Amino acid sequence: VLGLTGDLKDMRERLGRMVVGYSRGGETVTADDLGVGGAITVLMKDAIMPTLMQTAERTPVMVHAGPFANIATGNSSVVADKIALKLVGEEGYVVTEAGFGADIGAEKFCNIKCRASGLKPKVAVIVATIRALKMHGGGPPVKAGQPLQKEYVEENVELVSKGCDNLVRHIENMRKFGIQAVVAVNRFKTDTSAEIDAVVKVAEEAGAYKAVMCNHWAEGGKGAEKLAEAVIEAAKEVKEEDFKFLYDLNLPIKDKISAVCTSIYRAGSVSYTPLALQQISQYSSSGFGAFPICMAKTQYSFSCDPSAKGAPGGFEVKVREVRACAGAGFLR
């Protein structure tokens, strides 16, 4: 609710329509039905204000909300974005995070958050690392607390190139929304020029506006100047009307779920448990059928199997349960 709230009045309405249960007759019971919507808003009234921080180089940063994309929307708040846009002015640029990859955080940014805010993004910065691409190319598992194996610290262009299938999928997903994609190759000290060149070549051939090597972990803002320039150039190539949603809200719930699963994840089919089918029917009759979809899925793979690396396709997505988040305004 907090992340998608536009202002205090909007938050009051969202909190009031939260469903807390159902009557014996099957009717929804909301927070306002119990007379507690106002009280909840009083408890949340200060939470609506973002925290203003700054980077080490004194760039203003709004820190607000940010629910995880594998279970929720995975984005910072609408309020923070709108305040930031006012601060930078008409000629400025705001960078806002969509958590994890273009299959969950960015998809929900476009289909859920942009509907709530009315804002239309122009550029998506897709962050890639050589190490992550090596893992998607078939590299050995990485275990917390243990040294990286040699595949990740020695040059292996073939392994990186195989893993680029994953990056290409993310670029394709962003282009489906009419957004330009700029790839930021976040360089580690063990990465080689040959590996980075391979990623840049694949990314730009796949439709990225530009792919740029970034060294900001070592050089700060100076190490990302070329990335910033690429983003500004890409933004100038996009018009607001280029942006488009993946699905129409008035489609049946199952059709919207299918659109996300087949178009973004590249699933071959979608199946439902009896419970999920019952819930879909109930929510459709309760007036929640026009809500956008917020899928809960692993962040480690395009599929539902966290061990399936690269760019898997043709798999089955099994929907076990559907929940209505009436206050936030989506089905999860």
C-alpha atoms as a PDB file:
ATOM      1  CA  VAL A   1       0.000   0.000   0.000  1.00  0.00           C
ATOM      2  CA  LEU A   2       2.690   2.490   1.019  1.00  0.00           C
ATOM      3  CA  GLY A   3       4.783   1.932  -2.105  1.00  0.00           C
ATOM      4  CA  LEU A   4       1.889   2.637  -4.491  1.00  0.00           C
ATOM      5  CA  THR A   5       0.314   5.504  -2.540  1.00  0.00           C
ATOM      6  CA  GLY A   6       0.224   8.861  -4.328  1.00  0.00           C
ATOM      7  CA  ASP A   7      -0.575  11.107  -1.358  1.00  0.00           C
ATOM      8  CA  LEU A   8      -2.167  11.035   2.106  1.00  0.00           C
ATOM      9  CA  LYS A   9      -5.725  11.047   0.741  1.00  0.00           C
ATOM     10  CA  ASP A  10      -4.916   8.173  -1.585  1.00  0.00           C
ATOM     11  CA  MET A  11      -3.330   6.226   1.275  1.00  0.00           C
ATOM     12  CA  ARG A  12      -6.447   6.731   3.399  1.00  0.00           C
ATOM     13  CA  GLU A  13      -8.598   5.284   0.613  1.00  0.00           C
ATOM     14  CA  ARG A  14      -6.258   2.349   0.049  1.00  0.00           C
ATOM     15  CA  LEU A  15      -6.043   1.457   3.724  1.00  0.00           C
ATOM     16  CA  GLY A  16      -9.809   1.712   4.064  1.00  0.00           C
ATOM     17  CA  ARG A  17     -10.488  -0.758   1.262  1.00  0.00           C
ATOM     18  CA  MET A  18      -8.118  -3.432   2.559  1.00  0.00           C
ATOM     19  CA  VAL A  19     -10.036  -6.696   2.838  1.00  0.00           C
ATOM     20  CA  VAL A  20      -9.753  -8.274   6.277  1.00  0.00           C
ATOM     21  CA  GLY A  21     -12.215 -11.109   5.726  1.00  0.00           C
ATOM     22  CA  TYR A  22     -15.462 -12.306   4.194  1.00  0.00           C
ATOM     23  CA  SER A  23     -18.976 -12.446   5.590  1.00  0.00           C
ATOM     24  CA  ARG A  24     -20.919 -15.696   5.801  1.00  0.00           C
ATOM     25  CA  GLY A  25     -22.654 -14.608   2.623  1.00  0.00           C
ATOM     26  CA  GLY A  26     -19.338 -14.289   0.794  1.00  0.00           C
ATOM     27  CA  GLU A  27     -19.193 -10.471   0.817  1.00  0.00           C
ATOM     28  CA  THR A  28     -15.890  -8.698   1.453  1.00  0.00           C
ATOM     29  CA  VAL A  29     -15.293  -7.075   4.843  1.00  0.00           C
ATOM     30  CA  THR A  30     -12.942  -4.085   4.639  1.00  0.00           C
ATOM     31  CA  ALA A  31     -11.077  -1.961   7.164  1.00  0.00           C
ATOM     32  CA  ASP A  32     -13.630   0.793   6.588  1.00  0.00           C
ATOM     33  CA  ASP A  33     -16.459  -1.666   7.244  1.00  0.00           C
ATOM     34  CA  LEU A  34     -14.929  -2.161  10.684  1.00  0.00           C
ATOM     35  CA  GLY A  35     -14.459   1.585  11.131  1.00  0.00           C
ATOM     36  CA  VAL A  36     -10.673   1.378  11.520  1.00  0.00           C
ATOM     37  CA  GLY A  37      -9.472   2.842   8.191  1.00  0.00           C
ATOM     38  CA  GLY A  38      -8.896   6.262   9.708  1.00  0.00           C
ATOM     39  CA  ALA A  39      -7.045   4.869  12.712  1.00  0.00           C
ATOM     40  CA  ILE A  40      -4.694   2.878  10.472  1.00  0.00           C
ATOM     41  CA  THR A  41      -4.003   6.028   8.455  1.00  0.00           C
ATOM     42  CA  VAL A  42      -3.052   7.919  11.621  1.00  0.00           C
ATOM     43  CA  LEU A  43      -0.543   5.188  12.424  1.00  0.00           C
ATOM     44  CA  MET A  44       0.894   5.440   8.891  1.00  0.00           C
ATOM     45  CA  LYS A  45       0.782   9.223   8.391  1.00  0.00           C
ATOM     46  CA  ASP A  46       4.500   9.755   9.031  1.00  0.00           C
ATOM     47  CA  ALA A  47       5.548   6.683   7.053  1.00  0.00           C
ATOM     48  CA  ILE A  48       4.383   8.351   3.833  1.00  0.00           C
ATOM     49  CA  MET A  49       7.328  10.763   4.003  1.00  0.00           C
ATOM     50  CA  PRO A  50      10.472   9.467   2.230  1.00  0.00           C
ATOM     51  CA  THR A  51      13.876   9.610   3.895  1.00  0.00           C
ATOM     52  CA  LEU A  52      16.214  12.082   2.181  1.00  0.00           C
ATOM     53  CA  MET A  53      19.800  10.858   2.103  1.00  0.00           C
ATOM     54  CA  GLN A  54      22.835  11.481  -0.092  1.00  0.00           C
ATOM     55  CA  THR A  55      25.571   9.555  -1.826  1.00  0.00           C
ATOM     56  CA  ALA A  56      29.245   9.963  -0.935  1.00  0.00           C
ATOM     57  CA  GLU A  57      29.356  12.554  -3.741  1.00  0.00           C
ATOM     58  CA  ARG A  58      26.322  14.420  -2.342  1.00  0.00           C
ATOM     59  CA  THR A  59      23.747  13.365  -4.903  1.00  0.00           C
ATOM     60  CA  PRO A  60      20.288  13.438  -3.234  1.00  0.00           C
ATOM     61  CA  VAL A  61      18.713  10.011  -2.700  1.00  0.00           C
ATOM     62  CA  MET A  62      15.119   9.243  -1.712  1.00  0.00           C
ATOM     63  CA  VAL A  63      14.832   6.045   0.343  1.00  0.00           C
ATOM     64  CA  HIS A  64      11.248   4.871   0.700  1.00  0.00           C
ATOM     65  CA  ALA A  65       9.422   1.525   0.702  1.00  0.00           C
ATOM     66  CA  GLY A  66      10.933  -1.095  -1.610  1.00  0.00           C
ATOM     67  CA  PRO A  67       9.071  -4.381  -1.024  1.00  0.00           C
ATOM     68  CA  PHE A  68      10.877  -7.387  -2.515  1.00  0.00           C
ATOM     69  CA  ALA A  69      10.039  -8.156  -6.147  1.00  0.00           C
ATOM     70  CA  ASN A  70       9.926 -11.922  -5.652  1.00  0.00           C
ATOM     71  CA  ILE A  71       6.871 -11.556  -3.386  1.00  0.00           C
ATOM     72  CA  ALA A  72       5.609  -7.993  -3.984  1.00  0.00           C
ATOM     73  CA  THR A  73       6.143  -5.063  -6.371  1.00  0.00           C
ATOM     74  CA  GLY A  74       9.884  -4.653  -5.821  1.00  0.00           C
ATOM     75  CA  ASN A  75       9.977  -0.892  -6.325  1.00  0.00           C
ATOM     76  CA  SER A  76      10.585   2.263  -4.351  1.00  0.00           C
ATOM     77  CA  SER A  77       7.557   4.441  -3.684  1.00  0.00           C
ATOM     78  CA  VAL A  78       5.496   6.522  -6.081  1.00  0.00           C
ATOM     79  CA  VAL A  79       5.750   9.428  -3.620  1.00  0.00           C
ATOM     80  CA  ALA A  80       9.567   9.336  -3.693  1.00  0.00           C
ATOM     81  CA  ASP A  81       9.618   9.298  -7.506  1.00  0.00           C
ATOM     82  CA  LYS A  82       7.275  12.276  -7.770  1.00  0.00           C
ATOM     83  CA  ILE A  83       9.197  14.325  -5.206  1.00  0.00           C
ATOM     84  CA  ALA A  84      12.454  13.536  -7.010  1.00  0.00           C
ATOM     85  CA  LEU A  85      10.969  14.624 -10.344  1.00  0.00           C
ATOM     86  CA  LYS A  86       9.954  17.947  -8.820  1.00  0.00           C
ATOM     87  CA  LEU A  87      13.443  18.454  -7.407  1.00  0.00           C
ATOM     88  CA  VAL A  88      15.291  17.826 -10.687  1.00  0.00           C
ATOM     89  CA  GLY A  89      12.900  19.898 -12.797  1.00  0.00           C
ATOM     90  CA  GLU A  90      11.837  19.415 -16.408  1.00  0.00           C
ATOM     91  CA  GLU A  91      15.393  19.023 -17.704  1.00  0.00           C
ATOM     92  CA  GLY A  92      16.531  16.633 -14.978  1.00  0.00           C
ATOM     93  CA  TYR A  93      16.683  12.860 -14.669  1.00  0.00           C
ATOM     94  CA  VAL A  94      15.497  10.531 -11.921  1.00  0.00           C
ATOM     95  CA  VAL A  95      16.862   7.013 -11.496  1.00  0.00           C
ATOM     96  CA  THR A  96      14.533   4.691  -9.592  1.00  0.00           C
ATOM     97  CA  GLU A  97      15.122   1.033  -8.793  1.00  0.00           C
ATOM     98  CA  ALA A  98      13.068  -1.944  -9.922  1.00  0.00           C
ATOM     99  CA  GLY A  99      14.303  -4.896  -7.876  1.00  0.00           C
ATOM    100  CA  PHE A 100      15.918  -8.034  -9.289  1.00  0.00           C
ATOM    101  CA  GLY A 101      15.530  -8.578 -13.043  1.00  0.00           C
ATOM    102  CA  ALA A 102      13.341  -7.469 -15.916  1.00  0.00           C
ATOM    103  CA  ASP A 103      11.138 -10.524 -15.358  1.00  0.00           C
ATOM    104  CA  ILE A 104       9.859  -9.469 -11.936  1.00  0.00           C
ATOM    105  CA  GLY A 105      10.789  -6.014 -10.584  1.00  0.00           C
ATOM    106  CA  ALA A 106      10.811  -4.231 -13.933  1.00  0.00           C
ATOM    107  CA  GLU A 107       7.689  -6.015 -15.186  1.00  0.00           C
ATOM    108  CA  LYS A 108       5.821  -4.952 -12.044  1.00  0.00           C
ATOM    109  CA  PHE A 109       7.225  -1.442 -12.327  1.00  0.00           C
ATOM    110  CA  CYS A 110       5.641  -1.119 -15.758  1.00  0.00           C
ATOM    111  CA  ASN A 111       2.389  -3.012 -15.256  1.00  0.00           C
ATOM    112  CA  ILE A 112       1.603  -2.020 -11.653  1.00  0.00           C
ATOM    113  CA  LYS A 113       3.578   1.002 -10.468  1.00  0.00           C
ATOM    114  CA  CYS A 114       3.260   3.006 -13.688  1.00  0.00           C
ATOM    115  CA  ARG A 115      -0.495   2.497 -13.613  1.00  0.00           C
ATOM    116  CA  ALA A 116      -0.615   3.789 -10.034  1.00  0.00           C
ATOM    117  CA  SER A 117       1.655   6.785 -10.654  1.00  0.00           C
ATOM    118  CA  GLY A 118       0.729   7.733 -14.206  1.00  0.00           C
ATOM    119  CA  LEU A 119       4.453   8.099 -14.934  1.00  0.00           C
ATOM    120  CA  LYS A 120       6.060   6.671 -18.074  1.00  0.00           C
ATOM    121  CA  PRO A 121       9.728   5.637 -18.036  1.00  0.00           C
ATOM    122  CA  LYS A 122      11.954   6.173 -21.041  1.00  0.00           C
ATOM    123  CA  VAL A 123      15.044   4.104 -20.282  1.00  0.00           C
ATOM    124  CA  ALA A 124      15.771   0.913 -18.361  1.00  0.00           C
ATOM    125  CA  VAL A 125      19.331   0.442 -17.119  1.00  0.00           C
ATOM    126  CA  ILE A 126      20.032  -3.291 -16.988  1.00  0.00           C
ATOM    127  CA  VAL A 127      22.966  -4.041 -14.692  1.00  0.00           C
ATOM    128  CA  ALA A 128      25.059  -7.056 -15.657  1.00  0.00           C
ATOM    129  CA  THR A 129      28.228  -8.546 -14.231  1.00  0.00           C
ATOM    130  CA  ILE A 130      30.663 -10.935 -15.852  1.00  0.00           C
ATOM    131  CA  ARG A 131      30.398 -13.252 -12.857  1.00  0.00           C
ATOM    132  CA  ALA A 132      26.603 -13.466 -13.015  1.00  0.00           C
ATOM    133  CA  LEU A 133      26.688 -14.148 -16.750  1.00  0.00           C
ATOM    134  CA  LYS A 134      29.256 -16.886 -16.204  1.00  0.00           C
ATOM    135  CA  MET A 135      26.891 -18.517 -13.729  1.00  0.00           C
ATOM    136  CA  HIS A 136      24.058 -18.344 -16.274  1.00  0.00           C
ATOM    137  CA  GLY A 137      26.418 -19.818 -18.850  1.00  0.00           C
ATOM    138  CA  GLY A 138      26.905 -22.962 -16.785  1.00  0.00           C
ATOM    139  CA  GLY A 139      29.456 -21.919 -14.192  1.00  0.00           C
ATOM    140  CA  PRO A 140      29.709 -23.814 -10.885  1.00  0.00           C
ATOM    141  CA  PRO A 141      27.432 -22.882  -7.951  1.00  0.00           C
ATOM    142  CA  VAL A 142      28.539 -19.989  -5.753  1.00  0.00           C
ATOM    143  CA  LYS A 143      28.337 -20.657  -2.021  1.00  0.00           C
ATOM    144  CA  ALA A 144      28.288 -17.903   0.583  1.00  0.00           C
ATOM    145  CA  GLY A 145      31.427 -17.742   2.706  1.00  0.00           C
ATOM    146  CA  GLN A 146      33.500 -19.818   0.286  1.00  0.00           C
ATOM    147  CA  PRO A 147      36.110 -18.539  -2.207  1.00  0.00           C
ATOM    148  CA  LEU A 148      34.973 -18.156  -5.809  1.00  0.00           C
ATOM    149  CA  GLN A 149      36.039 -20.953  -8.115  1.00  0.00           C
ATOM    150  CA  LYS A 150      38.516 -20.231 -10.904  1.00  0.00           C
ATOM    151  CA  GLU A 151      35.791 -19.926 -13.552  1.00  0.00           C
ATOM    152  CA  TYR A 152      34.740 -16.633 -11.957  1.00  0.00           C
ATOM    153  CA  VAL A 153      38.160 -15.048 -11.478  1.00  0.00           C
ATOM    154  CA  GLU A 154      39.947 -16.179 -14.651  1.00  0.00           C
ATOM    155  CA  GLU A 155      39.170 -15.183 -18.231  1.00  0.00           C
ATOM    156  CA  ASN A 156      36.566 -17.406 -19.896  1.00  0.00           C
ATOM    157  CA  VAL A 157      34.935 -15.650 -22.832  1.00  0.00           C
ATOM    158  CA  GLU A 158      33.091 -18.792 -23.925  1.00  0.00           C
ATOM    159  CA  LEU A 159      31.335 -19.136 -20.561  1.00  0.00           C
ATOM    160  CA  VAL A 160      30.391 -15.450 -20.523  1.00  0.00           C
ATOM    161  CA  SER A 161      29.025 -15.644 -24.062  1.00  0.00           C
ATOM    162  CA  LYS A 162      26.829 -18.618 -23.175  1.00  0.00           C
ATOM    163  CA  GLY A 163      25.411 -16.706 -20.219  1.00  0.00           C
ATOM    164  CA  CYS A 164      24.524 -13.726 -22.389  1.00  0.00           C
ATOM    165  CA  ASP A 165      21.322 -15.540 -23.390  1.00  0.00           C
ATOM    166  CA  ASN A 166      20.005 -14.409 -20.016  1.00  0.00           C
ATOM    167  CA  LEU A 167      20.957 -10.783 -20.661  1.00  0.00           C
ATOM    168  CA  VAL A 168      19.384 -10.864 -24.124  1.00  0.00           C
ATOM    169  CA  ARG A 169      16.100 -12.031 -22.585  1.00  0.00           C
ATOM    170  CA  HIS A 170      16.089  -9.058 -20.191  1.00  0.00           C
ATOM    171  CA  ILE A 171      16.741  -6.643 -23.051  1.00  0.00           C
ATOM    172  CA  GLU A 172      13.911  -8.160 -25.088  1.00  0.00           C
ATOM    173  CA  ASN A 173      11.553  -7.887 -22.119  1.00  0.00           C
ATOM    174  CA  MET A 174      12.216  -4.184 -21.667  1.00  0.00           C
ATOM    175  CA  ARG A 175      11.769  -3.465 -25.349  1.00  0.00           C
ATOM    176  CA  LYS A 176       8.284  -5.014 -25.160  1.00  0.00           C
ATOM    177  CA  PHE A 177       7.228  -2.047 -23.022  1.00  0.00           C
ATOM    178  CA  GLY A 178       8.543   0.455 -25.558  1.00  0.00           C
ATOM    179  CA  ILE A 179      11.469   1.377 -23.303  1.00  0.00           C
ATOM    180  CA  GLN A 180      15.055   1.823 -24.447  1.00  0.00           C
ATOM    181  CA  ALA A 181      17.498  -0.532 -22.723  1.00  0.00           C
ATOM    182  CA  VAL A 182      20.991   0.549 -21.694  1.00  0.00           C
ATOM    183  CA  VAL A 183      23.238  -2.183 -20.303  1.00  0.00           C
ATOM    184  CA  ALA A 184      25.644  -1.290 -17.497  1.00  0.00           C
ATOM    185  CA  VAL A 185      28.450  -3.846 -17.293  1.00  0.00           C
ATOM    186  CA  ASN A 186      29.543  -3.507 -13.667  1.00  0.00           C
ATOM    187  CA  ARG A 187      33.254  -4.295 -13.804  1.00  0.00           C
ATOM    188  CA  PHE A 188      35.127  -6.301 -11.188  1.00  0.00           C
ATOM    189  CA  LYS A 189      38.934  -6.237 -11.001  1.00  0.00           C
ATOM    190  CA  THR A 190      39.143  -9.827 -12.291  1.00  0.00           C
ATOM    191  CA  ASP A 191      37.086  -9.094 -15.435  1.00  0.00           C
ATOM    192  CA  THR A 192      39.049  -8.860 -18.670  1.00  0.00           C
ATOM    193  CA  SER A 193      38.570  -6.571 -21.646  1.00  0.00           C
ATOM    194  CA  ALA A 194      37.809  -9.551 -23.892  1.00  0.00           C
ATOM    195  CA  GLU A 195      34.973 -10.664 -21.598  1.00  0.00           C
ATOM    196  CA  ILE A 196      33.504  -7.163 -21.389  1.00  0.00           C
ATOM    197  CA  ASP A 197      33.769  -6.665 -25.158  1.00  0.00           C
ATOM    198  CA  ALA A 198      31.871  -9.922 -25.690  1.00  0.00           C
ATOM    199  CA  VAL A 199      29.008  -8.747 -23.462  1.00  0.00           C
ATOM    200  CA  VAL A 200      28.854  -5.310 -25.087  1.00  0.00           C
ATOM    201  CA  LYS A 201      28.707  -6.856 -28.561  1.00  0.00           C
ATOM    202  CA  VAL A 202      25.902  -9.299 -27.689  1.00  0.00           C
ATOM    203  CA  ALA A 203      23.866  -6.666 -25.835  1.00  0.00           C
ATOM    204  CA  GLU A 204      23.941  -4.123 -28.640  1.00  0.00           C
ATOM    205  CA  GLU A 205      23.169  -6.761 -31.273  1.00  0.00           C
ATOM    206  CA  ALA A 206      20.172  -7.829 -29.142  1.00  0.00           C
ATOM    207  CA  GLY A 207      18.634  -4.361 -29.258  1.00  0.00           C
ATOM    208  CA  ALA A 208      20.184  -2.469 -26.358  1.00  0.00           C
ATOM    209  CA  TYR A 209      20.595   1.210 -27.199  1.00  0.00           C
ATOM    210  CA  LYS A 210      24.100   0.965 -25.809  1.00  0.00           C
ATOM    211  CA  ALA A 211      26.147  -1.244 -23.485  1.00  0.00           C
ATOM    212  CA  VAL A 212      28.716   0.505 -21.309  1.00  0.00           C
ATOM    213  CA  MET A 213      31.492  -0.731 -19.041  1.00  0.00           C
ATOM    214  CA  CYS A 214      31.130   0.883 -15.597  1.00  0.00           C
ATOM    215  CA  ASN A 215      33.843   1.216 -12.972  1.00  0.00           C
ATOM    216  CA  HIS A 216      31.997   3.224 -10.323  1.00  0.00           C
ATOM    217  CA  TRP A 217      32.786   0.729  -7.553  1.00  0.00           C
ATOM    218  CA  ALA A 218      36.397   1.918  -7.812  1.00  0.00           C
ATOM    219  CA  GLU A 219      36.057   5.454  -9.204  1.00  0.00           C
ATOM    220  CA  GLY A 220      32.703   6.642  -7.897  1.00  0.00           C
ATOM    221  CA  GLY A 221      30.626   8.850 -10.178  1.00  0.00           C
ATOM    222  CA  LYS A 222      33.518   9.330 -12.595  1.00  0.00           C
ATOM    223  CA  GLY A 223      33.452   5.611 -13.340  1.00  0.00           C
ATOM    224  CA  ALA A 224      29.820   5.830 -14.485  1.00  0.00           C
ATOM    225  CA  GLU A 225      29.957   9.024 -16.554  1.00  0.00           C
ATOM    226  CA  LYS A 226      29.709   7.152 -19.862  1.00  0.00           C
ATOM    227  CA  LEU A 227      26.694   5.256 -18.534  1.00  0.00           C
ATOM    228  CA  ALA A 228      24.969   8.518 -17.604  1.00  0.00           C
ATOM    229  CA  GLU A 229      25.698   9.945 -21.047  1.00  0.00           C
ATOM    230  CA  ALA A 230      24.254   6.831 -22.705  1.00  0.00           C
ATOM    231  CA  VAL A 231      21.079   7.071 -20.610  1.00  0.00           C
ATOM    232  CA  ILE A 232      20.586  10.730 -21.539  1.00  0.00           C
ATOM    233  CA  GLU A 233      21.105   9.945 -25.226  1.00  0.00           C
ATOM    234  CA  ALA A 234      18.679   7.014 -25.081  1.00  0.00           C
ATOM    235  CA  ALA A 235      16.017   9.070 -23.287  1.00  0.00           C
ATOM    236  CA  LYS A 236      16.040  11.612 -26.102  1.00  0.00           C
ATOM    237  CA  GLU A 237      15.130   8.853 -28.560  1.00  0.00           C
ATOM    238  CA  VAL A 238      11.917   7.917 -26.708  1.00  0.00           C
ATOM    239  CA  LYS A 239       8.523   9.604 -26.717  1.00  0.00           C
ATOM    240  CA  GLU A 240       5.973   9.176 -23.926  1.00  0.00           C
ATOM    241  CA  GLU A 241       3.548   7.515 -26.304  1.00  0.00           C
ATOM    242  CA  ASP A 242       6.123   4.779 -27.015  1.00  0.00           C
ATOM    243  CA  PHE A 243       5.497   3.255 -23.586  1.00  0.00           C
ATOM    244  CA  LYS A 244       2.921   0.466 -23.466  1.00  0.00           C
ATOM    245  CA  PHE A 245       1.558  -1.996 -20.926  1.00  0.00           C
ATOM    246  CA  LEU A 246       1.851  -5.730 -21.402  1.00  0.00           C
ATOM    247  CA  TYR A 247      -1.872  -6.399 -20.949  1.00  0.00           C
ATOM    248  CA  ASP A 248      -5.242  -4.665 -20.711  1.00  0.00           C
ATOM    249  CA  LEU A 249      -6.662  -4.560 -17.185  1.00  0.00           C
ATOM    250  CA  ASN A 250     -10.093  -5.583 -18.447  1.00  0.00           C
ATOM    251  CA  LEU A 251      -8.853  -8.969 -19.638  1.00  0.00           C
ATOM    252  CA  PRO A 252      -9.887 -12.006 -17.563  1.00  0.00           C
ATOM    253  CA  ILE A 253      -7.539 -12.712 -14.646  1.00  0.00           C
ATOM    254  CA  LYS A 254      -6.193 -15.916 -16.196  1.00  0.00           C
ATOM    255  CA  ASP A 255      -5.405 -14.109 -19.457  1.00  0.00           C
ATOM    256  CA  LYS A 256      -3.361 -11.492 -17.597  1.00  0.00           C
ATOM    257  CA  ILE A 257      -1.458 -14.179 -15.709  1.00  0.00           C
ATOM    258  CA  SER A 258      -0.820 -15.978 -18.985  1.00  0.00           C
ATOM    259  CA  ALA A 259       0.474 -12.774 -20.595  1.00  0.00           C
ATOM    260  CA  VAL A 260       3.136 -12.373 -17.901  1.00  0.00           C
ATOM    261  CA  CYS A 261       4.097 -16.056 -17.863  1.00  0.00           C
ATOM    262  CA  THR A 262       4.335 -16.591 -21.618  1.00  0.00           C
ATOM    263  CA  SER A 263       5.561 -13.196 -22.805  1.00  0.00           C
ATOM    264  CA  ILE A 264       8.003 -12.313 -20.001  1.00  0.00           C
ATOM    265  CA  TYR A 265       9.012 -15.663 -18.462  1.00  0.00           C
ATOM    266  CA  ARG A 266       8.616 -17.585 -21.776  1.00  0.00           C
ATOM    267  CA  ALA A 267       6.573 -20.355 -20.165  1.00  0.00           C
ATOM    268  CA  GLY A 268       4.963 -22.908 -22.434  1.00  0.00           C
ATOM    269  CA  SER A 269       1.839 -23.317 -20.306  1.00  0.00           C
ATOM    270  CA  VAL A 270       0.131 -22.198 -17.100  1.00  0.00           C
ATOM    271  CA  SER A 271      -1.791 -24.539 -14.798  1.00  0.00           C
ATOM    272  CA  TYR A 272      -3.888 -23.840 -11.705  1.00  0.00           C
ATOM    273  CA  THR A 273      -4.683 -25.709  -8.514  1.00  0.00           C
ATOM    274  CA  PRO A 274      -8.366 -26.062  -7.583  1.00  0.00           C
ATOM    275  CA  LEU A 275      -7.795 -23.501  -4.813  1.00  0.00           C
ATOM    276  CA  ALA A 276      -6.377 -20.944  -7.260  1.00  0.00           C
ATOM    277  CA  LEU A 277      -9.310 -21.424  -9.637  1.00  0.00           C
ATOM    278  CA  GLN A 278     -11.751 -20.984  -6.765  1.00  0.00           C
ATOM    279  CA  GLN A 279     -10.012 -17.782  -5.662  1.00  0.00           C
ATOM    280  CA  ILE A 280      -9.944 -16.366  -9.197  1.00  0.00           C
ATOM    281  CA  SER A 281     -13.688 -16.932  -9.473  1.00  0.00           C
ATOM    282  CA  GLN A 282     -14.283 -15.339  -6.073  1.00  0.00           C
ATOM    283  CA  TYR A 283     -12.161 -12.263  -6.805  1.00  0.00           C
ATOM    284  CA  SER A 284     -13.763 -11.769 -10.198  1.00  0.00           C
ATOM    285  CA  SER A 285     -17.211 -11.705  -8.599  1.00  0.00           C
ATOM    286  CA  SER A 286     -15.957  -9.449  -5.760  1.00  0.00           C
ATOM    287  CA  GLY A 287     -14.942  -6.689  -8.171  1.00  0.00           C
ATOM    288  CA  PHE A 288     -11.195  -7.356  -8.211  1.00  0.00           C
ATOM    289  CA  GLY A 289     -11.049  -8.729 -11.746  1.00  0.00           C
ATOM    290  CA  ALA A 290      -9.602  -5.520 -13.206  1.00  0.00           C
ATOM    291  CA  PHE A 291      -6.568  -5.496 -10.886  1.00  0.00           C
ATOM    292  CA  PRO A 292      -3.072  -5.905 -12.376  1.00  0.00           C
ATOM    293  CA  ILE A 293      -1.116  -9.077 -11.612  1.00  0.00           C
ATOM    294  CA  CYS A 294       1.764  -9.299  -9.113  1.00  0.00           C
ATOM    295  CA  MET A 295       3.411 -12.703  -9.497  1.00  0.00           C
ATOM    296  CA  ALA A 296       5.361 -14.245  -6.611  1.00  0.00           C
ATOM    297  CA  LYS A 297       8.275 -16.095  -8.204  1.00  0.00           C
ATOM    298  CA  THR A 298      11.919 -16.965  -7.640  1.00  0.00           C
ATOM    299  CA  GLN A 299      14.374 -14.225  -8.580  1.00  0.00           C
ATOM    300  CA  TYR A 300      17.057 -16.719  -9.583  1.00  0.00           C
ATOM    301  CA  SER A 301      15.533 -17.865 -12.875  1.00  0.00           C
ATOM    302  CA  PHE A 302      13.045 -16.886 -15.562  1.00  0.00           C
ATOM    303  CA  SER A 303      11.284 -20.125 -14.674  1.00  0.00           C
ATOM    304  CA  CYS A 304       9.863 -21.289 -11.345  1.00  0.00           C
ATOM    305  CA  ASP A 305      12.932 -23.479 -10.813  1.00  0.00           C
ATOM    306  CA  PRO A 306      15.742 -21.453  -9.172  1.00  0.00           C
ATOM    307  CA  SER A 307      18.342 -23.870 -10.546  1.00  0.00           C
ATOM    308  CA  ALA A 308      17.304 -23.283 -14.192  1.00  0.00           C
ATOM    309  CA  LYS A 309      19.868 -20.720 -15.302  1.00  0.00           C
ATOM    310  CA  GLY A 310      20.331 -18.969 -18.631  1.00  0.00           C
ATOM    311  CA  ALA A 311      17.168 -18.405 -20.659  1.00  0.00           C
ATOM    312  CA  PRO A 312      14.867 -21.405 -20.144  1.00  0.00           C
ATOM    313  CA  GLY A 313      11.606 -21.649 -22.064  1.00  0.00           C
ATOM    314  CA  GLY A 314       8.636 -23.910 -22.660  1.00  0.00           C
ATOM    315  CA  PHE A 315       8.248 -24.825 -18.978  1.00  0.00           C
ATOM    316  CA  GLU A 316       5.022 -24.968 -16.977  1.00  0.00           C
ATOM    317  CA  VAL A 317       4.066 -22.333 -14.422  1.00  0.00           C
ATOM    318  CA  LYS A 318       1.795 -23.752 -11.748  1.00  0.00           C
ATOM    319  CA  VAL A 319      -0.307 -21.176  -9.908  1.00  0.00           C
ATOM    320  CA  ARG A 320      -0.975 -22.591  -6.449  1.00  0.00           C
ATOM    321  CA  GLU A 321      -2.798 -19.669  -4.865  1.00  0.00           C
ATOM    322  CA  VAL A 322      -4.130 -16.197  -5.694  1.00  0.00           C
ATOM    323  CA  ARG A 323      -4.546 -13.428  -3.129  1.00  0.00           C
ATOM    324  CA  ALA A 324      -6.307 -10.092  -3.491  1.00  0.00           C
ATOM    325  CA  CYS A 325      -4.347  -7.114  -2.174  1.00  0.00           C
ATOM    326  CA  ALA A 326      -7.273  -4.717  -2.400  1.00  0.00           C
ATOM    327  CA  GLY A 327      -5.531  -1.833  -0.664  1.00  0.00           C
ATOM    328  CA  ALA A 328      -2.458  -1.977  -2.859  1.00  0.00           C
ATOM    329  CA  GLY A 329      -4.668  -2.692  -5.854  1.00  0.00           C
ATOM    330  CA  PHE A 330      -3.312  -5.900  -7.356  1.00  0.00           C
ATOM    331  CA  LEU A 331      -3.750  -9.669  -7.335  1.00  0.00           C
ATOM    332  CA  ARG A 332      -0.808 -11.682  -6.023  1.00  0.00           C
END
